[in-house]
Protein backbone atom coordinates (compact mmCIF):
# COMPACT_ATOMS: atom_id res chain seq x y z
CA MET A 1 123.59 81.03 114.88
CA TYR A 2 119.76 80.74 115.87
CA GLN A 3 117.49 81.78 118.53
CA VAL A 4 117.15 78.58 120.29
CA ASP A 5 115.50 80.08 123.44
CA TRP A 6 112.31 78.80 123.18
CA SER A 7 112.75 75.61 121.05
CA GLN A 8 110.03 72.75 122.56
CA HIS A 9 112.12 69.41 122.32
CA ALA A 10 109.33 67.57 124.14
CA ARG A 11 106.43 68.55 121.89
CA TRP A 12 108.97 68.36 118.88
CA ARG A 13 109.84 64.62 120.06
CA HIS A 14 106.39 64.00 120.06
CA ASP A 15 105.13 65.67 116.66
CA GLU A 16 107.78 65.09 114.35
CA ALA A 17 109.64 62.30 112.67
CA PRO A 18 113.35 61.93 112.92
CA ALA A 19 114.85 63.20 110.05
CA THR A 20 118.44 61.40 109.12
CA LEU A 21 120.56 64.42 107.23
CA PRO A 22 122.90 63.65 104.56
CA ALA A 23 126.78 64.86 104.53
CA THR A 24 127.31 68.41 104.00
CA ARG A 25 128.45 69.45 100.58
CA LEU A 26 130.07 72.37 101.56
CA ASP A 27 133.20 71.02 103.37
CA PRO A 28 134.01 73.55 106.55
CA ALA A 29 137.85 73.12 105.81
CA ASP A 30 137.14 75.08 102.76
CA VAL A 31 135.57 78.10 104.63
CA ALA A 32 137.76 80.87 105.62
CA GLY A 33 134.94 82.85 107.43
CA VAL A 34 130.96 83.24 107.59
CA MET A 35 129.12 86.59 108.82
CA LEU A 36 128.11 86.55 112.35
CA LEU A 37 124.31 86.06 111.81
CA HIS A 38 121.39 85.76 114.46
CA TRP A 39 118.69 83.57 113.11
CA GLN A 40 115.71 84.93 114.71
CA GLU A 41 111.43 83.80 114.84
CA HIS A 42 109.37 86.52 113.39
CA CYS A 43 106.21 87.21 111.20
CA VAL A 44 105.73 88.37 108.16
CA GLU A 45 102.53 90.04 108.91
CA CYS A 46 103.37 91.92 112.21
CA ALA A 47 100.90 94.45 113.98
CA VAL A 48 102.58 94.07 117.54
CA PRO A 49 100.99 94.20 120.09
CA LEU A 50 97.31 94.75 118.87
CA CYS A 51 97.85 91.47 116.72
CA TYR A 52 98.33 89.59 119.67
CA SER A 53 94.58 90.09 120.74
CA SER A 54 93.34 90.57 117.05
CA CYS A 55 94.96 88.31 114.74
CA ARG A 56 93.32 84.57 114.75
CA LEU A 57 96.77 83.18 114.04
CA TYR A 58 98.21 84.51 117.44
CA VAL A 59 99.95 81.87 119.43
CA ALA A 60 101.48 82.69 122.70
CA ARG A 61 105.04 81.99 123.03
CA ALA A 62 106.63 81.79 126.56
CA ASP A 63 107.55 85.61 126.16
CA ASN A 64 103.88 86.14 125.27
CA ARG A 65 104.88 86.93 121.94
CA CYS A 66 103.59 85.22 118.77
CA ALA A 67 105.16 81.48 118.25
CA ARG A 68 105.27 81.46 114.30
CA PHE A 69 107.29 78.43 114.56
CA ALA A 70 105.23 74.98 115.95
CA HIS A 71 108.23 73.99 118.21
CA GLY A 72 110.54 77.03 117.73
CA ILE A 73 114.24 76.37 116.71
CA VAL A 74 115.29 72.80 117.41
CA ARG A 75 118.82 71.75 117.26
CA VAL A 76 119.18 68.59 115.90
CA PRO A 77 122.13 65.93 114.99
CA ALA A 78 123.61 66.83 111.25
CA ALA A 79 126.51 65.33 109.60
CA GLY A 80 128.77 68.39 108.88
CA GLY A 81 127.56 71.99 108.48
CA PRO A 82 129.31 75.12 110.41
CA LEU A 83 127.66 74.12 113.89
CA GLY A 84 127.59 70.61 113.92
CA PHE A 85 123.80 70.57 113.98
CA GLY A 86 120.64 71.02 111.76
CA ALA A 87 118.01 73.89 112.52
CA ASP A 88 114.64 71.91 112.52
CA ILE A 89 112.12 74.60 111.86
CA ARG A 90 108.14 73.94 111.12
CA PHE A 91 107.03 77.07 109.78
CA ARG A 92 103.40 78.21 110.51
CA ARG A 93 101.45 80.56 108.49
CA TRP A 94 103.40 83.93 108.00
CA GLY A 95 106.31 82.65 110.03
CA LYS A 96 109.79 83.84 108.70
CA LEU A 97 113.44 83.76 109.90
CA GLU A 98 115.00 87.20 110.25
CA ALA A 99 118.71 88.20 110.82
CA GLU A 100 120.80 91.37 111.33
CA ILE A 101 123.38 92.19 108.57
CA THR A 102 126.28 92.79 111.07
CA GLY A 103 129.25 92.76 108.21
CA ARG A 104 131.03 91.39 110.90
CA ARG A 105 133.53 88.00 109.88
CA VAL A 106 134.38 85.28 111.90
CA SER A 107 136.02 82.18 111.68
CA LEU A 108 133.68 78.97 111.92
CA PRO A 109 135.64 77.59 115.31
CA ALA A 110 135.22 81.31 116.47
CA GLN A 111 131.64 80.83 115.76
CA ALA A 112 131.06 77.66 117.16
CA GLY A 113 132.38 79.18 120.49
CA LEU A 114 130.25 82.03 120.14
CA ASP A 115 127.11 79.55 119.60
CA ARG A 116 128.16 77.29 123.05
CA ILE A 117 128.17 81.03 124.81
CA ASP A 118 125.02 81.98 123.51
CA GLY A 119 123.66 78.67 124.55
CA ALA A 120 124.97 78.91 128.18
CA ALA A 121 123.47 82.32 128.02
CA ALA A 122 119.85 81.26 126.86
CA ARG A 123 119.77 78.42 129.74
CA LEU A 124 120.50 81.27 132.34
CA ALA A 125 117.76 83.42 130.98
CA ALA A 126 115.30 80.64 131.16
CA ALA A 127 116.31 79.89 134.64
CA ALA A 128 115.77 83.78 135.38
CA ARG A 129 112.55 83.93 133.53
CA PRO A 130 110.23 83.26 136.85
CA LEU A 131 111.94 85.89 138.60
CA GLY A 132 111.50 88.51 135.84
CA ARG A 133 107.76 87.69 135.88
CA LEU A 134 107.41 88.83 139.31
CA VAL A 135 108.42 92.36 138.09
CA ASP A 136 106.51 92.25 134.85
CA PRO A 137 104.37 89.05 134.10
CA SER A 138 103.34 89.95 130.54
CA ARG A 139 107.15 89.45 129.24
CA SER A 140 110.34 87.91 129.81
CA ILE A 141 112.81 90.36 130.85
CA ALA A 142 115.93 87.95 131.03
CA ASN A 143 115.48 87.12 127.63
CA ASP A 144 115.04 90.90 126.55
CA VAL A 145 118.35 91.64 128.08
CA LEU A 146 119.68 88.66 126.61
CA ASP A 147 118.59 89.94 122.97
CA ARG A 148 119.70 93.44 123.58
CA LEU A 149 123.50 92.17 124.63
CA ARG A 150 123.52 89.87 121.59
CA ALA A 151 122.66 92.52 118.92
CA GLN A 152 125.46 94.89 120.63
CA ALA A 153 127.87 91.92 120.71
CA PHE A 154 127.20 91.13 117.37
CA ARG A 155 127.74 94.36 115.89
CA ARG A 156 131.21 94.48 117.58
CA LEU A 157 132.86 91.12 117.32
CA GLY A 158 134.93 89.75 114.35
CA GLN A 159 136.26 91.72 111.55
CA PRO A 160 134.57 94.01 109.57
CA CYS A 161 133.80 92.53 106.29
CA ARG A 162 131.93 92.96 102.79
CA ASP A 163 133.40 90.25 100.43
CA TYR A 164 131.69 86.71 100.53
CA ASP A 165 131.71 84.23 97.67
CA ALA A 166 128.17 83.61 98.39
CA PHE A 167 125.05 83.29 100.59
CA VAL A 168 124.91 79.71 101.04
CA ILE A 169 121.88 77.71 101.85
CA GLU A 170 121.86 73.95 102.79
CA CYS A 171 118.50 72.71 103.68
CA PHE A 172 116.63 69.06 104.23
CA ASN A 173 113.13 69.09 103.20
CA PRO A 174 111.38 66.23 104.96
CA GLY A 175 108.26 66.83 103.28
CA GLU A 176 107.33 65.17 99.98
CA THR A 177 106.25 68.28 98.08
CA VAL A 178 108.18 71.01 96.92
CA VAL A 179 108.57 74.00 98.83
CA ARG A 180 109.20 77.93 97.58
CA LEU A 181 111.78 79.56 99.81
CA SER A 182 111.98 83.41 99.77
CA VAL A 183 115.04 85.39 100.51
CA THR A 184 114.69 88.89 100.58
CA MET A 185 117.39 91.37 101.94
CA PHE A 186 115.75 94.86 103.44
CA ALA A 187 117.50 98.14 103.94
CA GLY A 188 115.08 99.69 106.55
CA ALA A 189 111.66 99.02 105.42
CA ALA A 190 112.58 98.81 101.46
CA ALA A 191 113.04 95.18 99.81
CA VAL A 192 116.59 95.91 98.17
CA MET A 193 117.01 92.14 96.68
CA ARG A 194 114.86 89.09 96.45
CA HIS A 195 115.43 85.64 95.62
CA GLY A 196 113.44 82.24 95.52
CA ILE A 197 114.84 78.87 95.44
CA ASP A 198 112.69 75.60 95.24
CA LEU A 199 113.53 73.40 97.82
CA SER A 200 112.74 69.63 96.41
CA PRO A 201 111.98 66.84 99.01
CA GLY A 202 115.55 65.81 100.64
CA ALA A 203 118.71 67.67 100.49
CA ASN A 204 118.91 70.61 98.98
CA PHE A 205 122.13 73.01 98.54
CA ALA A 206 122.20 76.81 96.61
CA ALA A 207 124.70 79.23 96.60
CA ILE A 208 123.22 82.61 95.82
CA PRO A 209 125.04 85.65 95.19
CA ILE A 210 124.18 88.91 97.19
CA THR A 211 125.84 92.16 96.65
CA LEU A 212 126.37 93.61 100.09
CA PRO A 213 126.37 97.65 100.70
CA ALA A 214 129.62 99.08 101.58
CA ASP A 215 129.01 99.00 104.90
CA PRO A 216 126.40 96.46 105.74
CA GLY A 217 126.98 97.09 109.43
CA GLY A 218 127.24 101.02 109.16
CA ASP A 219 124.32 103.47 108.30
CA GLY A 220 121.03 102.04 107.55
CA PRO A 221 119.58 98.60 109.18
CA TYR A 222 120.04 95.59 106.66
CA ARG A 223 118.22 92.68 107.70
CA LEU A 224 117.91 89.51 105.74
CA THR A 225 114.57 86.97 105.95
CA VAL A 226 113.89 83.54 104.96
CA HIS A 227 110.40 81.86 104.61
CA PRO A 228 108.56 79.64 102.57
CA ASP A 229 106.30 81.51 99.84
CA GLY A 230 102.62 81.71 99.69
CA ASP A 231 101.62 81.37 103.47
CA ALA A 232 103.09 77.59 103.07
CA GLU A 233 103.20 75.77 106.43
CA ALA A 234 106.41 73.27 106.17
CA ARG A 235 108.97 71.73 107.99
CA LEU A 236 112.77 72.58 106.86
CA ILE A 237 116.09 71.65 108.89
CA PHE A 238 118.94 74.18 107.72
CA THR A 239 122.42 73.67 108.32
CA TRP A 240 124.35 76.15 105.83
CA LEU A 241 122.43 79.72 105.96
CA ASP A 242 125.52 81.81 105.95
CA PHE A 243 127.51 84.29 104.10
CA VAL A 244 130.51 82.47 103.30
CA ALA A 245 134.09 83.32 102.19
CA LEU A 246 135.85 80.63 101.11
CA ARG A 247 139.81 79.78 101.53
CA ALA A 248 142.20 80.56 98.58
CA GLY A 249 141.47 78.08 95.77
CA ALA A 250 138.25 76.41 97.33
CA ARG A 251 135.29 76.32 95.33
CA LEU A 252 131.48 75.97 96.18
CA PRO A 253 129.65 72.83 94.94
CA GLU A 254 127.59 73.06 92.35
CA ALA A 255 123.80 72.93 92.58
CA ALA A 256 122.70 69.69 90.41
CA PRO A 257 119.92 70.76 88.06
CA SER A 258 116.74 70.14 89.01
CA LYS A 259 115.67 69.08 85.33
CA SER A 260 117.62 67.73 82.34
CA VAL A 261 114.75 68.17 79.97
CA PRO A 262 113.41 71.47 78.74
CA ALA A 263 109.91 72.89 80.91
CA ALA A 264 106.28 72.93 78.81
CA LYS A 265 106.96 76.56 78.38
CA VAL A 266 109.79 79.15 77.70
CA LYS A 267 110.47 81.91 80.04
CA CYS A 268 113.80 83.66 78.73
CA VAL A 269 115.17 83.58 75.45
CA ALA A 270 118.84 84.08 75.16
CA TRP A 271 119.90 85.75 71.72
CA ASP A 272 123.35 85.58 70.28
CA LEU A 273 124.45 89.09 68.36
CA ASP A 274 126.57 88.51 65.29
CA ASN A 275 124.52 87.30 62.04
CA THR A 276 121.88 86.75 64.60
CA VAL A 277 120.23 89.83 66.02
CA TRP A 278 122.21 91.85 63.25
CA ARG A 279 123.82 90.62 60.08
CA GLY A 280 127.89 90.77 59.99
CA VAL A 281 130.43 90.38 63.04
CA LEU A 282 130.94 93.19 65.09
CA VAL A 283 134.78 93.11 65.59
CA GLU A 284 135.66 92.81 62.13
CA ASP A 285 132.98 94.93 60.29
CA GLY A 286 132.42 97.60 62.81
CA ALA A 287 129.54 99.31 64.03
CA ALA A 288 129.00 100.70 60.84
CA GLY A 289 129.12 97.68 58.70
CA LEU A 290 126.18 96.02 60.74
CA THR A 291 122.42 95.52 59.85
CA ILE A 292 119.87 94.88 62.22
CA ARG A 293 117.43 92.20 61.09
CA PRO A 294 113.87 93.24 61.00
CA GLU A 295 112.42 90.03 61.81
CA ALA A 296 114.90 89.62 64.59
CA VAL A 297 113.33 93.06 65.88
CA ALA A 298 109.73 91.80 65.50
CA LEU A 299 110.46 88.57 67.45
CA VAL A 300 111.79 90.76 70.31
CA HIS A 301 108.40 92.82 70.53
CA ARG A 302 106.51 90.19 70.28
CA LEU A 303 108.17 87.81 72.61
CA ASP A 304 107.81 91.00 75.10
CA GLU A 305 104.32 91.29 74.74
CA ARG A 306 103.90 87.85 75.96
CA GLY A 307 105.62 87.78 78.87
CA ILE A 308 108.84 86.23 77.69
CA ILE A 309 111.73 87.82 79.07
CA GLN A 310 115.02 88.07 76.75
CA THR A 311 118.75 88.09 77.57
CA ILE A 312 122.03 88.06 75.66
CA VAL A 313 124.78 85.58 75.35
CA SER A 314 127.44 87.06 72.77
CA LYS A 315 131.03 86.55 72.45
CA ASN A 316 132.05 90.35 71.83
CA ASN A 317 132.92 93.25 73.45
CA HIS A 318 130.10 94.61 75.86
CA ASP A 319 130.37 98.48 75.54
CA GLU A 320 130.63 98.14 71.74
CA ALA A 321 127.74 95.99 71.60
CA MET A 322 125.77 97.88 74.04
CA ALA A 323 126.10 101.00 71.81
CA VAL A 324 124.78 99.35 68.70
CA LEU A 325 121.89 97.82 70.65
CA ARG A 326 120.87 101.69 72.25
CA ASP A 327 121.38 102.72 68.64
CA ALA A 328 118.65 100.29 67.45
CA GLY A 329 116.49 100.90 70.33
CA LEU A 330 116.56 97.33 71.79
CA ALA A 331 119.12 97.50 74.86
CA ASP A 332 116.12 97.92 77.22
CA HIS A 333 114.69 94.81 76.43
CA PHE A 334 117.64 92.60 77.48
CA LEU A 335 117.97 91.59 80.99
CA HIS A 336 121.26 90.96 82.36
CA PRO A 337 123.03 90.71 79.21
CA ALA A 338 126.41 88.45 79.63
CA ILE A 339 128.39 90.07 76.56
CA ASN A 340 132.00 88.72 77.06
CA TRP A 341 134.31 85.94 75.54
CA GLY A 342 133.20 83.25 78.59
CA GLN A 343 131.33 79.97 77.41
CA LYS A 344 127.64 80.71 76.55
CA SER A 345 126.53 77.67 79.02
CA ALA A 346 128.49 79.21 82.09
CA ASN A 347 126.94 82.45 81.14
CA LEU A 348 123.19 81.01 81.03
CA ARG A 349 123.82 79.57 84.37
CA GLN A 350 124.53 82.85 85.88
CA ILE A 351 121.84 84.52 84.14
CA ALA A 352 119.25 82.06 85.60
CA THR A 353 120.65 82.53 89.04
CA ARG A 354 119.99 86.33 88.70
CA LEU A 355 116.87 86.26 87.13
CA ASN A 356 115.59 83.73 89.46
CA ILE A 357 114.08 81.11 86.79
CA GLY A 358 114.84 77.61 86.12
CA LEU A 359 117.36 76.56 83.26
CA ASP A 360 114.82 74.44 81.93
CA THR A 361 112.78 77.67 80.68
CA PHE A 362 115.70 79.18 78.90
CA ALA A 363 116.04 79.12 74.90
CA LEU A 364 118.97 79.99 72.74
CA ILE A 365 119.17 81.55 69.54
CA ASP A 366 122.76 81.60 67.72
CA ASP A 367 123.56 81.37 64.26
CA GLN A 368 126.83 79.13 65.45
CA PRO A 369 126.10 75.14 65.54
CA PHE A 370 129.33 74.70 67.84
CA GLU A 371 127.59 77.27 70.45
CA ARG A 372 124.69 75.68 70.17
CA GLN A 373 126.28 72.22 70.68
CA GLU A 374 128.39 73.76 73.72
CA VAL A 375 124.93 74.44 75.28
CA ALA A 376 123.11 71.60 74.50
CA SER A 377 125.76 69.36 75.80
CA ALA A 378 126.33 71.44 79.53
CA LEU A 379 122.71 72.49 79.89
CA PRO A 380 120.54 69.63 78.26
CA MET A 381 117.29 71.35 79.59
CA VAL A 382 117.99 74.34 77.28
CA ARG A 383 116.40 74.42 74.06
CA THR A 384 118.39 75.91 71.33
CA TYR A 385 117.18 77.30 67.67
CA PRO A 386 119.21 78.59 64.67
CA GLU A 387 118.95 82.19 63.60
CA VAL A 388 116.31 81.21 61.10
CA PRO A 389 113.39 80.79 60.40
CA LEU A 390 112.60 83.23 62.98
CA ASP A 391 109.13 83.88 62.46
CA ALA A 392 108.34 80.16 62.76
CA LEU A 393 109.28 79.90 66.47
CA LEU A 394 106.15 81.50 67.83
CA GLU A 395 104.14 78.48 66.33
CA ARG A 396 105.73 76.32 68.48
CA PRO A 397 103.75 75.07 71.20
CA GLU A 398 106.49 76.08 74.19
CA PHE A 399 105.90 79.89 73.14
CA ASP A 400 102.37 79.20 73.06
CA VAL A 401 101.68 81.77 75.96
CA PRO A 402 98.63 84.25 76.45
CA VAL A 403 99.21 87.87 75.95
CA THR A 404 97.74 89.57 79.05
CA SER A 405 98.35 92.80 80.53
CA ALA A 406 100.64 91.03 83.24
CA SER A 407 102.32 89.79 80.69
CA ARG A 408 103.26 93.01 78.76
CA GLN A 409 104.40 94.50 82.23
CA ARG A 410 106.60 91.66 83.28
CA ARG A 411 109.83 92.65 81.81
CA LEU A 412 109.31 96.07 83.60
CA SER A 413 108.90 94.29 86.82
CA TYR A 414 112.36 92.39 86.14
CA LEU A 415 113.86 96.07 85.06
CA THR A 416 112.61 97.06 88.95
CA GLU A 417 114.77 94.39 90.45
CA VAL A 418 117.69 94.82 88.27
CA GLU A 419 117.31 98.61 89.24
CA ARG A 420 117.20 97.87 92.91
CA GLU A 421 120.27 95.94 92.91
CA ARG A 422 122.34 98.70 90.96
CA ALA A 423 121.24 101.20 93.44
CA LEU A 424 122.60 98.71 96.00
CA GLU A 425 125.77 98.07 94.38
CA VAL A 426 126.52 101.94 94.16
CA PHE A 427 125.62 102.24 97.98
CA SER A 428 128.81 103.94 99.76
CA GLY A 429 127.75 103.46 103.26
CA ASP A 430 126.12 107.21 103.65
CA TYR A 431 122.56 106.41 103.94
CA ALA A 432 121.49 109.58 103.36
CA GLY A 433 123.02 108.96 100.08
CA PHE A 434 121.46 105.93 99.10
CA LEU A 435 117.97 107.48 99.57
CA ARG A 436 118.75 110.24 97.23
CA SER A 437 119.74 107.34 94.81
CA CYS A 438 116.40 105.71 95.12
CA GLY A 439 114.39 108.83 94.14
CA ILE A 440 111.77 108.54 96.57
CA THR A 441 108.66 110.61 95.88
CA VAL A 442 105.63 111.23 98.19
CA ARG A 443 102.36 112.47 96.87
CA ILE A 444 99.69 114.27 99.37
CA PHE A 445 96.13 113.95 98.46
CA THR A 446 93.03 113.97 100.03
CA PRO A 447 91.37 110.04 100.22
CA SER A 448 88.00 109.94 98.15
CA THR A 449 87.77 106.92 96.71
CA PRO A 450 86.17 103.72 98.71
CA GLN A 451 89.22 101.99 97.92
CA GLU A 452 91.62 104.97 99.16
CA ILE A 453 89.44 105.13 102.12
CA ALA A 454 89.42 101.62 103.22
CA ARG A 455 93.14 101.65 103.16
CA CYS A 456 93.40 104.54 105.24
CA LEU A 457 91.40 102.56 107.88
CA GLU A 458 93.38 99.64 107.72
CA LEU A 459 96.31 101.55 108.00
CA ILE A 460 95.11 103.39 111.29
CA ASP A 461 93.86 99.93 112.63
CA ARG A 462 96.86 98.04 111.96
CA THR A 463 100.07 100.66 112.62
CA ASN A 464 101.91 101.08 116.07
CA GLN A 465 105.45 101.78 115.40
CA LEU A 466 104.18 105.07 113.47
CA ASN A 467 101.21 106.00 114.88
CA LEU A 468 100.53 109.36 116.43
CA SER A 469 97.39 108.94 118.74
CA GLY A 470 96.77 105.14 118.53
CA ARG A 471 92.87 106.06 117.63
CA ARG A 472 90.81 103.90 115.97
CA TYR A 473 87.78 104.84 114.00
CA GLU A 474 84.46 103.16 113.00
CA PRO A 475 83.76 103.62 109.35
CA GLN A 476 81.09 106.13 110.12
CA ALA A 477 82.99 107.99 112.15
CA PHE A 478 85.90 107.79 109.87
CA ALA A 479 83.66 109.34 107.41
CA GLU A 480 82.40 112.10 109.30
CA LEU A 481 85.92 112.98 109.95
CA LEU A 482 86.83 113.18 106.34
CA ALA A 483 83.53 115.31 105.54
CA ASP A 484 84.53 117.93 108.70
CA PRO A 485 85.48 121.24 106.78
CA ALA A 486 87.21 122.31 109.95
CA VAL A 487 90.00 119.39 109.60
CA LEU A 488 92.60 119.04 107.19
CA CYS A 489 92.85 115.60 106.23
CA PHE A 490 95.10 113.74 103.78
CA ALA A 491 96.57 110.50 102.57
CA ILE A 492 100.13 109.80 101.74
CA ASP A 493 101.21 107.59 98.90
CA CYS A 494 105.06 106.87 98.10
CA ALA A 495 106.95 105.32 94.94
CA ASP A 496 110.72 105.24 94.41
CA ARG A 497 112.85 104.22 91.09
CA PHE A 498 112.06 100.68 91.92
CA GLY A 499 108.12 100.75 91.84
CA SER A 500 105.17 101.99 93.99
CA TYR A 501 104.34 101.38 97.38
CA GLY A 502 100.90 102.32 97.15
CA LEU A 503 98.85 104.32 99.81
CA VAL A 504 101.13 104.29 103.03
CA GLY A 505 100.02 106.96 105.67
CA PHE A 506 97.22 109.05 106.82
CA ALA A 507 97.00 112.11 108.89
CA SER A 508 94.65 114.81 110.23
CA ILE A 509 95.09 118.22 111.27
CA ALA A 510 92.46 120.50 113.28
CA GLY A 511 92.46 123.65 114.99
CA TRP A 512 93.08 126.18 111.91
CA ASP A 513 91.15 128.90 113.42
CA GLY A 514 93.66 128.57 116.44
CA THR A 515 96.67 126.59 116.85
CA PRO A 516 96.50 123.83 114.08
CA THR A 517 97.01 120.37 116.03
CA LEU A 518 98.13 117.03 114.42
CA ARG A 519 95.31 114.81 115.70
CA ASP A 520 95.69 111.94 113.40
CA PHE A 521 99.41 110.42 111.87
CA VAL A 522 100.06 106.86 110.90
CA MET A 523 102.54 105.85 108.37
CA SER A 524 103.49 101.88 107.17
CA CYS A 525 106.19 100.29 108.08
CA ARG A 526 107.26 99.41 104.84
CA VAL A 527 108.44 103.24 104.42
CA ALA A 528 110.01 103.64 107.74
CA GLN A 529 113.46 105.10 108.09
CA LYS A 530 113.04 106.55 104.76
CA ARG A 531 112.55 110.07 105.98
CA VAL A 532 109.10 109.98 104.22
CA GLU A 533 108.01 110.92 107.66
CA HIS A 534 110.03 113.84 107.97
CA CYS A 535 109.17 115.00 104.67
CA VAL A 536 105.04 114.78 105.38
CA LEU A 537 105.78 117.08 108.81
CA GLY A 538 107.95 119.46 107.20
CA TRP A 539 105.32 120.13 104.30
CA ALA A 540 102.47 120.33 107.35
CA ALA A 541 105.03 122.66 109.05
CA ARG A 542 105.54 124.83 105.96
CA ARG A 543 101.94 124.81 105.38
CA ALA A 544 101.09 126.38 108.81
CA ARG A 545 103.67 128.98 108.61
CA ALA A 546 102.94 130.11 105.28
CA ARG A 547 99.17 130.83 106.51
CA GLY A 548 100.41 133.07 109.28
CA HIS A 549 100.56 130.17 112.10
CA ALA A 550 103.22 130.63 115.26
CA LYS A 551 103.01 127.07 115.95
CA LEU A 552 102.31 123.58 114.92
CA ASN A 553 101.23 121.15 117.75
CA ALA A 554 100.86 117.10 117.76
CA ASP A 555 98.84 115.56 119.93
CA LEU A 556 100.86 112.03 121.00
CA ARG A 557 99.97 109.17 122.76
CA VAL A 558 103.51 107.43 124.15
CA THR A 559 103.12 103.74 123.70
CA ALA A 560 106.46 101.06 123.90
CA ARG A 561 105.79 100.64 120.39
CA ASN A 562 105.92 104.07 118.92
CA THR A 563 109.19 104.98 119.79
CA PRO A 564 110.24 105.23 116.17
CA LEU A 565 107.69 108.02 115.60
CA THR A 566 108.70 110.05 118.91
CA LYS A 567 112.11 110.10 117.55
CA VAL A 568 110.94 111.41 114.05
CA PHE A 569 109.26 114.22 116.22
CA GLU A 570 112.66 114.89 118.18
CA ASP A 571 114.70 115.13 114.87
CA MET A 572 112.15 117.90 113.97
CA ARG A 573 112.53 119.87 116.96
CA PHE A 574 109.26 119.07 118.63
CA ALA A 575 109.15 120.09 122.16
CA THR A 576 106.99 118.72 124.92
CA GLU A 577 104.37 121.40 125.89
CA THR A 578 102.09 119.74 128.61
CA ALA A 579 102.53 116.21 129.71
CA GLU A 580 99.63 113.94 131.28
CA ALA A 581 99.96 110.20 131.66
CA ASP A 582 101.16 108.62 128.49
CA ARG A 583 99.60 111.98 126.48
CA ARG A 584 102.11 114.42 125.37
CA LEU A 585 101.32 117.75 123.55
CA LEU A 586 104.28 118.33 121.49
CA SER A 587 105.03 121.86 119.80
CA LEU A 588 106.98 123.07 117.13
CA ASP A 589 107.90 126.95 117.26
CA LEU A 590 107.50 127.91 113.39
CA ALA A 591 109.52 130.97 113.78
CA GLN A 592 112.58 129.22 114.83
CA ALA A 593 112.20 125.60 113.14
CA ASP A 594 114.42 124.91 110.39
CA LEU A 595 112.07 123.67 107.61
CA ASP A 596 114.17 123.83 104.58
CA ASP A 597 113.66 120.68 101.97
CA ASP A 598 116.60 118.92 102.41
CA GLY A 599 116.11 117.29 99.01
CA ILE A 600 116.22 113.63 99.72
CA ILE A 601 112.29 113.29 98.86
CA GLY A 602 110.43 114.72 95.94
CA LEU A 603 106.92 115.86 97.28
CA ASP A 604 104.08 116.42 95.13
CA SER A 605 101.26 118.33 97.20
CA ARG A 606 99.34 119.95 94.39
CA ALA A 607 96.39 118.34 95.54
CA LEU A 608 96.10 120.02 98.57
CA ASP A 609 97.93 123.50 97.59
CA GLU A 610 94.55 124.70 96.84
CA VAL A 611 92.42 123.69 99.68
CA ALA A 612 91.79 126.87 102.55
CA ALA A 613 88.80 125.74 103.91
CA CYS A 614 88.69 127.22 107.61
CA GLY A 615 92.19 128.57 107.09
CA ALA A 616 93.67 125.35 106.35
């Protein structure tokens, strides 16, 4: 279902050429149910409401929010599809579709019925819009109410369901160039899954395997976003954009391979094991009877240096084979190894999907002519090579890629995504448990380099939801603040087991000669709802208490956008001491506060632990 509230049919008819959509490739009769999703218009780089006045890309929508779609989401006739229409969208720069993952499953007839009700509600909201503007001309009260009612209804309707066969995208690209589409799932502000597909001109179909958490509609807000990569502005028409559960016996249609010939360069080498990586046959000779081939080890390392990722397709027992690779120190070099008794061509398809690269960039090294022929027959775009001579492979032009610092890190970046997927798979619905499994670490330090100072200023200027005071600084004034010995200024950076978020926060605390008061506190929304804010405030409170202070104050300016930060102070048991207009002086009684570390976040404050200027 789509947010068609802001569609502009007249402008769309004037601007866009009609597109005839082909019949859907996924027969709705094969679908038992879909997840309730409501796709809405959003911005990839959002800093509302300041961006409404400062961003040169801002285009006012009817509710004064930013219109990142040129005509909104327009319904067009479609041959099939779950709702009987296509969602025609011309993405402006930074435009994205976004939906909350509800975890609620409904049948296609129920979804169609809900869509009709939603359309009627949207028309009523549009009719009531002029009345709402008499109360507040800056927004659409009727649509705000409808959005809240939608969100509540979507979290309650249908039946809870985590098991879907795939996330299905069927999309018509009326343009003349390929559009790279990015699909990302977020847990809070953390991206836990990314996938990209190339949408060729014309009809496109993709079925993406996405692992959902145990309780996708429970603890932790989960969202899915879809947008063209690289700030591209493209017109796309979606018929399917759904988590799909098939009926018994039904199968998803296979996406046609985009190429039947190999690409110019190899990106991934798939290794057989028996008599290829090692001499001998594991199931016959046992691990003790195998000898790792030194020329295979050498090639693994040289491919890794060139940024050519590697995997395994081997007919063996998984656990026994991985034990041999671990003993040889090779296990971490292979991504998504497929060690089973299935067809190697089928395994290669699955690996390509998980790695999100084309099959035409794969190469197979296998000692068995039968296996090489099976792959060549089923996947003619995959290169195949025998197990000898290995040392000559790197002389071939398809392996001639430059060795750079980025190429040396490529496998590690893929391993980051693998770890992210594994963490999500084991997440059982306890959000605190999920955060612990992420291994989040926070470092508190004094910003000193030009890059660190510029990043702090950027956060202060752009952050709204997690901004204590809304105070802005010119560069000179900020430099004076950092140099003030009576003020403790510190930056915050964050990382988790998947990688670094970089510098995500800045804070300043003054008044150490009396009652220390938090004057500035800004945090990037990328780490929102991860308890990073709680960790930093807890550290500041413990520091104040250790220096003999009875209270820690916070100078809060209440805005329509910083409610998430206000909730953090409530969680920490800050109380309002004084209030005047939009200003609140919050205070935490350090004698009564529970400041024990909950162990969710790892904290490194060594850079500031020795700072004692003015009692700070």
